[in-house]
Amino acid sequence: MKTKTKKYWSANVTQHSDAMDLEPSVFKKTDPHEIALSLKRSAEHSHRRKAGPYQSAMSMLNFYINRAGKNLSARRMAILRRAKDELRHLFHRERTHA
């Protein structure tokens, strides 16, 4: 008999991957700046990440956004997208507009 696979494999990836250790409920915060600061702190203090702090923080945020997908309200999506802009600002990676 086949063993049942975990329904929420993405939670397992978030908790046990080599990405980084996250502050609990970081993605439930309502302030984009607080989300970005938390991700930045986690990325800079992580000894499990394989990439640089900026890439690790942005990758984790993108991973969460992509996995949550349609289940995110427009308000939550807007907050998380603003958090991406905050991360760019915190890491001095501002976008240049042509």
C-alpha atoms as a PDB file:
ATOM      1  CA  MET A   1       0.000   0.000   0.000  1.00  0.00           C
ATOM      2  CA  LYS A   2       1.335   3.434  -0.923  1.00  0.00           C
ATOM      3  CA  THR A   3       2.081   5.857   1.854  1.00  0.00           C
ATOM      4  CA  LYS A   4       0.165   9.078   1.675  1.00  0.00           C
ATOM      5  CA  THR A   5       2.256  12.064   0.576  1.00  0.00           C
ATOM      6  CA  LYS A   6       2.100  15.204   2.626  1.00  0.00           C
ATOM      7  CA  LYS A   7      -0.641  17.517   1.446  1.00  0.00           C
ATOM      8  CA  TYR A   8       1.374  20.654   2.157  1.00  0.00           C
ATOM      9  CA  TRP A   9       4.859  19.817   0.946  1.00  0.00           C
ATOM     10  CA  SER A  10       5.678  23.525   0.703  1.00  0.00           C
ATOM     11  CA  ALA A  11       5.453  23.891   4.497  1.00  0.00           C
ATOM     12  CA  ASN A  12       7.988  21.096   4.799  1.00  0.00           C
ATOM     13  CA  VAL A  13      10.287  22.850   2.324  1.00  0.00           C
ATOM     14  CA  THR A  14      10.003  26.121   4.246  1.00  0.00           C
ATOM     15  CA  GLN A  15      10.798  24.459   7.575  1.00  0.00           C
ATOM     16  CA  HIS A  16      13.518  22.032   6.521  1.00  0.00           C
ATOM     17  CA  SER A  17      15.180  23.448   3.425  1.00  0.00           C
ATOM     18  CA  ASP A  18      18.686  24.841   3.266  1.00  0.00           C
ATOM     19  CA  ALA A  19      17.225  28.259   2.538  1.00  0.00           C
ATOM     20  CA  MET A  20      17.111  29.870   5.991  1.00  0.00           C
ATOM     21  CA  ASP A  21      15.346  29.947   9.324  1.00  0.00           C
ATOM     22  CA  LEU A  22      12.392  32.314   9.334  1.00  0.00           C
ATOM     23  CA  GLU A  23      10.779  34.222  12.144  1.00  0.00           C
ATOM     24  CA  PRO A  24       7.405  32.605  12.985  1.00  0.00           C
ATOM     25  CA  SER A  25       4.457  34.153  11.111  1.00  0.00           C
ATOM     26  CA  VAL A  26       6.668  36.526   9.148  1.00  0.00           C
ATOM     27  CA  PHE A  27       4.362  36.393   6.130  1.00  0.00           C
ATOM     28  CA  LYS A  28       1.306  37.241   8.248  1.00  0.00           C
ATOM     29  CA  LYS A  29       2.656  40.664   9.209  1.00  0.00           C
ATOM     30  CA  THR A  30       0.740  43.617   7.799  1.00  0.00           C
ATOM     31  CA  ASP A  31       3.655  46.028   7.374  1.00  0.00           C
ATOM     32  CA  PRO A  32       5.777  45.375   4.248  1.00  0.00           C
ATOM     33  CA  HIS A  33       8.790  47.018   5.894  1.00  0.00           C
ATOM     34  CA  GLU A  34       8.554  44.652   8.894  1.00  0.00           C
ATOM     35  CA  ILE A  35       8.343  41.637   6.569  1.00  0.00           C
ATOM     36  CA  ALA A  36      11.395  42.822   4.638  1.00  0.00           C
ATOM     37  CA  LEU A  37      13.383  43.542   7.814  1.00  0.00           C
ATOM     38  CA  SER A  38      12.574  40.107   9.203  1.00  0.00           C
ATOM     39  CA  LEU A  39      13.606  38.372   5.973  1.00  0.00           C
ATOM     40  CA  LYS A  40      16.801  40.427   5.834  1.00  0.00           C
ATOM     41  CA  ARG A  41      17.691  39.530   9.433  1.00  0.00           C
ATOM     42  CA  SER A  42      16.958  35.861   8.821  1.00  0.00           C
ATOM     43  CA  ALA A  43      19.001  35.779   5.633  1.00  0.00           C
ATOM     44  CA  GLU A  44      21.985  37.544   7.166  1.00  0.00           C
ATOM     45  CA  HIS A  45      22.043  35.291  10.244  1.00  0.00           C
ATOM     46  CA  SER A  46      21.373  32.000   8.483  1.00  0.00           C
ATOM     47  CA  HIS A  47      24.166  29.473   8.247  1.00  0.00           C
ATOM     48  CA  ARG A  48      22.067  27.149   6.061  1.00  0.00           C
ATOM     49  CA  ARG A  49      21.627  29.364   3.021  1.00  0.00           C
ATOM     50  CA  LYS A  50      23.576  28.617  -0.128  1.00  0.00           C
ATOM     51  CA  ALA A  51      23.175  31.970  -1.900  1.00  0.00           C
ATOM     52  CA  GLY A  52      23.825  35.513  -0.714  1.00  0.00           C
ATOM     53  CA  PRO A  53      21.499  37.156   1.820  1.00  0.00           C
ATOM     54  CA  TYR A  54      19.588  39.266  -0.729  1.00  0.00           C
ATOM     55  CA  GLN A  55      18.945  36.354  -3.076  1.00  0.00           C
ATOM     56  CA  SER A  56      17.932  34.086  -0.200  1.00  0.00           C
ATOM     57  CA  ALA A  57      15.498  36.605   1.265  1.00  0.00           C
ATOM     58  CA  MET A  58      13.931  37.435  -2.098  1.00  0.00           C
ATOM     59  CA  SER A  59      13.727  33.751  -3.051  1.00  0.00           C
ATOM     60  CA  MET A  60      11.903  32.883   0.168  1.00  0.00           C
ATOM     61  CA  LEU A  61       9.420  35.714  -0.367  1.00  0.00           C
ATOM     62  CA  ASN A  62       8.832  34.658  -3.988  1.00  0.00           C
ATOM     63  CA  PHE A  63       8.465  31.030  -2.914  1.00  0.00           C
ATOM     64  CA  TYR A  64       5.757  31.998  -0.425  1.00  0.00           C
ATOM     65  CA  ILE A  65       3.921  34.170  -2.966  1.00  0.00           C
ATOM     66  CA  ASN A  66       4.053  31.462  -5.634  1.00  0.00           C
ATOM     67  CA  ARG A  67       2.913  28.684  -3.289  1.00  0.00           C
ATOM     68  CA  ALA A  68       0.066  30.707  -1.783  1.00  0.00           C
ATOM     69  CA  GLY A  69      -1.066  31.720  -5.262  1.00  0.00           C
ATOM     70  CA  LYS A  70      -4.808  32.103  -5.617  1.00  0.00           C
ATOM     71  CA  ASN A  71      -5.344  31.795  -1.881  1.00  0.00           C
ATOM     72  CA  LEU A  72      -3.857  35.244  -1.271  1.00  0.00           C
ATOM     73  CA  SER A  73      -6.286  38.128  -1.122  1.00  0.00           C
ATOM     74  CA  ALA A  74      -5.547  41.184  -3.234  1.00  0.00           C
ATOM     75  CA  ARG A  75      -4.642  43.049  -0.034  1.00  0.00           C
ATOM     76  CA  ARG A  76      -2.140  40.364   1.093  1.00  0.00           C
ATOM     77  CA  MET A  77      -0.633  40.185  -2.392  1.00  0.00           C
ATOM     78  CA  ALA A  78      -0.178  43.971  -2.414  1.00  0.00           C
ATOM     79  CA  ILE A  79       1.532  43.857   0.995  1.00  0.00           C
ATOM     80  CA  LEU A  80       3.885  41.078  -0.124  1.00  0.00           C
ATOM     81  CA  ARG A  81       4.730  42.853  -3.382  1.00  0.00           C
ATOM     82  CA  ARG A  82       5.537  46.008  -1.417  1.00  0.00           C
ATOM     83  CA  ALA A  83       7.733  43.831   0.832  1.00  0.00           C
ATOM     84  CA  LYS A  84       9.728  42.896  -2.286  1.00  0.00           C
ATOM     85  CA  ASP A  85      10.302  46.598  -2.976  1.00  0.00           C
ATOM     86  CA  GLU A  86      11.314  47.094   0.671  1.00  0.00           C
ATOM     87  CA  LEU A  87      13.822  44.233   0.395  1.00  0.00           C
ATOM     88  CA  ARG A  88      15.349  45.830  -2.690  1.00  0.00           C
ATOM     89  CA  HIS A  89      15.623  49.104  -0.788  1.00  0.00           C
ATOM     90  CA  LEU A  90      17.143  47.494   2.333  1.00  0.00           C
ATOM     91  CA  PHE A  91      19.764  45.692   0.250  1.00  0.00           C
ATOM     92  CA  HIS A  92      20.407  48.794  -1.932  1.00  0.00           C
ATOM     93  CA  ARG A  93      19.180  47.000  -5.048  1.00  0.00           C
ATOM     94  CA  GLU A  94      16.836  49.670  -6.326  1.00  0.00           C
ATOM     95  CA  ARG A  95      15.235  49.089  -9.684  1.00  0.00           C
ATOM     96  CA  THR A  96      16.137  51.548 -12.388  1.00  0.00           C
ATOM     97  CA  HIS A  97      13.256  52.682 -14.548  1.00  0.00           C
ATOM     98  CA  ALA A  98      14.024  53.472 -18.167  1.00  0.00           C
END
